[in-house]
């Protein structure tokens, strides 16, 4: 698990922070919609 976090941190630093933020927002929206439709 620790190795995974280190690799993710390295990837996050290489990537564009804005791209990562957009991905998190889109992922959150998709998760919310799936939750609403599954009820």
PDB file of N, CA and C in Angstrom:
ATOM      1  N   UNK A   1       0.828  -1.201   0.000  1.00  0.00           N
ATOM      2  CA  UNK A   1       0.000   0.000   0.000  1.00  0.00           C
ATOM      3  C   UNK A   1       0.869   1.260   0.000  1.00  0.00           C
ATOM      4  N   UNK A   2       1.931   1.228   0.787  1.00  0.00           N
ATOM      5  CA  UNK A   2       2.814   2.395   0.860  1.00  0.00           C
ATOM      6  C   UNK A   2       3.457   2.683  -0.492  1.00  0.00           C
ATOM      7  N   UNK A   3       3.868   1.613  -1.181  1.00  0.00           N
ATOM      8  CA  UNK A   3       4.479   1.765  -2.507  1.00  0.00           C
ATOM      9  C   UNK A   3       3.485   2.400  -3.472  1.00  0.00           C
ATOM     10  N   UNK A   4       2.225   1.963  -3.394  1.00  0.00           N
ATOM     11  CA  UNK A   4       1.180   2.521  -4.255  1.00  0.00           C
ATOM     12  C   UNK A   4       1.033   4.022  -4.007  1.00  0.00           C
ATOM     13  N   UNK A   5       1.009   4.430  -2.743  1.00  0.00           N
ATOM     14  CA  UNK A   5       0.865   5.852  -2.415  1.00  0.00           C
ATOM     15  C   UNK A   5       2.053   6.659  -2.927  1.00  0.00           C
ATOM     16  N   UNK A   6       3.239   6.097  -2.807  1.00  0.00           N
ATOM     17  CA  UNK A   6       4.435   6.784  -3.308  1.00  0.00           C
ATOM     18  C   UNK A   6       4.370   6.952  -4.821  1.00  0.00           C
ATOM     19  N   UNK A   7       3.957   5.892  -5.518  1.00  0.00           N
ATOM     20  CA  UNK A   7       3.844   5.970  -6.977  1.00  0.00           C
ATOM     21  C   UNK A   7       2.766   6.966  -7.385  1.00  0.00           C
ATOM     22  N   UNK A   8       1.661   6.970  -6.652  1.00  0.00           N
ATOM     23  CA  UNK A   8       0.580   7.901  -6.967  1.00  0.00           C
ATOM     24  C   UNK A   8       1.030   9.341  -6.760  1.00  0.00           C
ATOM     25  N   UNK A   9       1.767   9.577  -5.680  1.00  0.00           N
ATOM     26  CA  UNK A   9       2.273  10.921  -5.395  1.00  0.00           C
ATOM     27  C   UNK A   9       3.206  11.378  -6.513  1.00  0.00           C
ATOM     28  N   UNK A  10       4.067  10.482  -6.949  1.00  0.00           N
ATOM     29  CA  UNK A  10       4.995  10.790  -8.043  1.00  0.00           C
ATOM     30  C   UNK A  10       4.218  11.113  -9.319  1.00  0.00           C
ATOM     31  N   UNK A  11       3.189  10.319  -9.610  1.00  0.00           N
ATOM     32  CA  UNK A  11       2.348  10.546 -10.783  1.00  0.00           C
ATOM     33  C   UNK A  11       1.621  11.885 -10.674  1.00  0.00           C
ATOM     34  N   UNK A  12       1.097  12.189  -9.495  1.00  0.00           N
ATOM     35  CA  UNK A  12       0.348  13.427  -9.289  1.00  0.00           C
ATOM     36  C   UNK A  12       1.253  14.645  -9.482  1.00  0.00           C
ATOM     37  N   UNK A  13       2.502  14.543  -9.037  1.00  0.00           N
ATOM     38  CA  UNK A  13       3.432  15.663  -9.184  1.00  0.00           C
ATOM     39  C   UNK A  13       3.820  15.858 -10.651  1.00  0.00           C
ATOM     40  N   UNK A  14       3.897  14.768 -11.408  1.00  0.00           N
ATOM     41  CA  UNK A  14       4.239  14.860 -12.830  1.00  0.00           C
ATOM     42  C   UNK A  14       3.076  15.415 -13.631  1.00  0.00           C
ATOM     43  N   UNK A  15       1.868  14.993 -13.269  1.00  0.00           N
ATOM     44  CA  UNK A  15       0.681  15.398 -14.016  1.00  0.00           C
ATOM     45  C   UNK A  15       0.269  16.822 -13.689  1.00  0.00           C
ATOM     46  N   UNK A  16      -0.701  17.283 -14.432  1.00  0.00           N
ATOM     47  CA  UNK A  16      -1.241  18.611 -14.215  1.00  0.00           C
ATOM     48  C   UNK A  16      -2.232  18.538 -13.057  1.00  0.00           C
ATOM     49  N   UNK A  17      -2.051  19.397 -12.066  1.00  0.00           N
ATOM     50  CA  UNK A  17      -2.922  19.392 -10.890  1.00  0.00           C
ATOM     51  C   UNK A  17      -4.360  19.708 -11.290  1.00  0.00           C
ATOM     52  N   UNK A  18      -4.530  20.591 -12.267  1.00  0.00           N
ATOM     53  CA  UNK A  18      -5.878  20.939 -12.735  1.00  0.00           C
ATOM     54  C   UNK A  18      -6.572  19.714 -13.331  1.00  0.00           C
ATOM     55  N   UNK A  19      -5.846  18.948 -14.137  1.00  0.00           N
ATOM     56  CA  UNK A  19      -6.414  17.718 -14.714  1.00  0.00           C
ATOM     57  C   UNK A  19      -6.864  16.769 -13.613  1.00  0.00           C
ATOM     58  N   UNK A  20      -6.048  16.639 -12.572  1.00  0.00           N
ATOM     59  CA  UNK A  20      -6.388  15.746 -11.472  1.00  0.00           C
ATOM     60  C   UNK A  20      -7.642  16.243 -10.746  1.00  0.00           C
ATOM     61  N   UNK A  21      -7.737  17.554 -10.528  1.00  0.00           N
ATOM     62  CA  UNK A  21      -8.903  18.123  -9.855  1.00  0.00           C
ATOM     63  C   UNK A  21     -10.172  17.882 -10.668  1.00  0.00           C
ATOM     64  N   UNK A  22     -10.076  18.060 -11.978  1.00  0.00           N
ATOM     65  CA  UNK A  22     -11.230  17.819 -12.860  1.00  0.00           C
ATOM     66  C   UNK A  22     -11.638  16.349 -12.778  1.00  0.00           C
ATOM     67  N   UNK A  23     -10.670  15.459 -12.773  1.00  0.00           N
ATOM     68  CA  UNK A  23     -10.961  14.030 -12.655  1.00  0.00           C
ATOM     69  C   UNK A  23     -11.677  13.695 -11.357  1.00  0.00           C
ATOM     70  N   UNK A  24     -11.250  14.313 -10.260  1.00  0.00           N
ATOM     71  CA  UNK A  24     -11.892  14.071  -8.962  1.00  0.00           C
ATOM     72  C   UNK A  24     -13.331  14.568  -8.974  1.00  0.00           C
ATOM     73  N   UNK A  25     -13.561  15.754  -9.550  1.00  0.00           N
ATOM     74  CA  UNK A  25     -14.914  16.318  -9.612  1.00  0.00           C
ATOM     75  C   UNK A  25     -15.824  15.436 -10.465  1.00  0.00           C
ATOM     76  N   UNK A  26     -15.335  15.039 -11.642  1.00  0.00           N
ATOM     77  CA  UNK A  26     -16.135  14.188 -12.529  1.00  0.00           C
ATOM     78  C   UNK A  26     -16.422  12.847 -11.849  1.00  0.00           C
ATOM     79  N   UNK A  27     -15.423  12.271 -11.203  1.00  0.00           N
ATOM     80  CA  UNK A  27     -15.617  11.012 -10.487  1.00  0.00           C
ATOM     81  C   UNK A  27     -16.662  11.142  -9.389  1.00  0.00           C
ATOM     82  N   UNK A  28     -16.633  12.257  -8.668  1.00  0.00           N
ATOM     83  CA  UNK A  28     -17.622  12.489  -7.615  1.00  0.00           C
ATOM     84  C   UNK A  28     -19.019  12.611  -8.173  1.00  0.00           C
ATOM     85  N   UNK A  29     -19.174  13.305  -9.293  1.00  0.00           N
ATOM     86  CA  UNK A  29     -20.488  13.467  -9.929  1.00  0.00           C
ATOM     87  C   UNK A  29     -21.024  12.118 -10.401  1.00  0.00           C
ATOM     88  N   UNK A  30     -20.171  11.318 -11.017  1.00  0.00           N
ATOM     89  CA  UNK A  30     -20.593  10.004 -11.505  1.00  0.00           C
ATOM     90  C   UNK A  30     -21.026   9.129 -10.329  1.00  0.00           C
ATOM     91  N   UNK A  31     -20.261   9.188  -9.243  1.00  0.00           N
ATOM     92  CA  UNK A  31     -20.589   8.374  -8.066  1.00  0.00           C
ATOM     93  C   UNK A  31     -21.935   8.798  -7.483  1.00  0.00           C
ATOM     94  N   UNK A  32     -22.174  10.101  -7.386  1.00  0.00           N
ATOM     95  CA  UNK A  32     -23.450  10.603  -6.864  1.00  0.00           C
ATOM     96  C   UNK A  32     -24.611  10.154  -7.738  1.00  0.00           C
ATOM     97  N   UNK A  33     -24.452  10.271  -9.061  1.00  0.00           N
ATOM     98  CA  UNK A  33     -25.520   9.871  -9.981  1.00  0.00           C
ATOM     99  C   UNK A  33     -25.799   8.376  -9.875  1.00  0.00           C
ATOM    100  N   UNK A  34     -24.763   7.573  -9.791  1.00  0.00           N
ATOM    101  CA  UNK A  34     -24.949   6.123  -9.646  1.00  0.00           C
ATOM    102  C   UNK A  34     -25.690   5.823  -8.351  1.00  0.00           C
ATOM    103  N   UNK A  35     -25.350   6.520  -7.290  1.00  0.00           N
ATOM    104  CA  UNK A  35     -26.001   6.300  -5.999  1.00  0.00           C
ATOM    105  C   UNK A  35     -27.481   6.668  -6.078  1.00  0.00           C
ATOM    106  N   UNK A  36     -27.791   7.798  -6.718  1.00  0.00           N
ATOM    107  CA  UNK A  36     -29.186   8.239  -6.826  1.00  0.00           C
ATOM    108  C   UNK A  36     -30.009   7.270  -7.665  1.00  0.00           C
ATOM    109  N   UNK A  37     -29.446   6.810  -8.783  1.00  0.00           N
ATOM    110  CA  UNK A  37     -30.189   5.919  -9.680  1.00  0.00           C
ATOM    111  C   UNK A  37     -30.346   4.513  -9.098  1.00  0.00           C
ATOM    112  N   UNK A  38     -29.467   4.124  -8.189  1.00  0.00           N
ATOM    113  CA  UNK A  38     -29.527   2.765  -7.644  1.00  0.00           C
ATOM    114  C   UNK A  38     -30.559   2.626  -6.527  1.00  0.00           C
ATOM    115  N   UNK A  39     -31.115   3.718  -6.067  1.00  0.00           N
ATOM    116  CA  UNK A  39     -32.106   3.647  -4.984  1.00  0.00           C
ATOM    117  C   UNK A  39     -33.494   3.395  -5.518  1.00  0.00           C
TER     118      UNK A  39
END
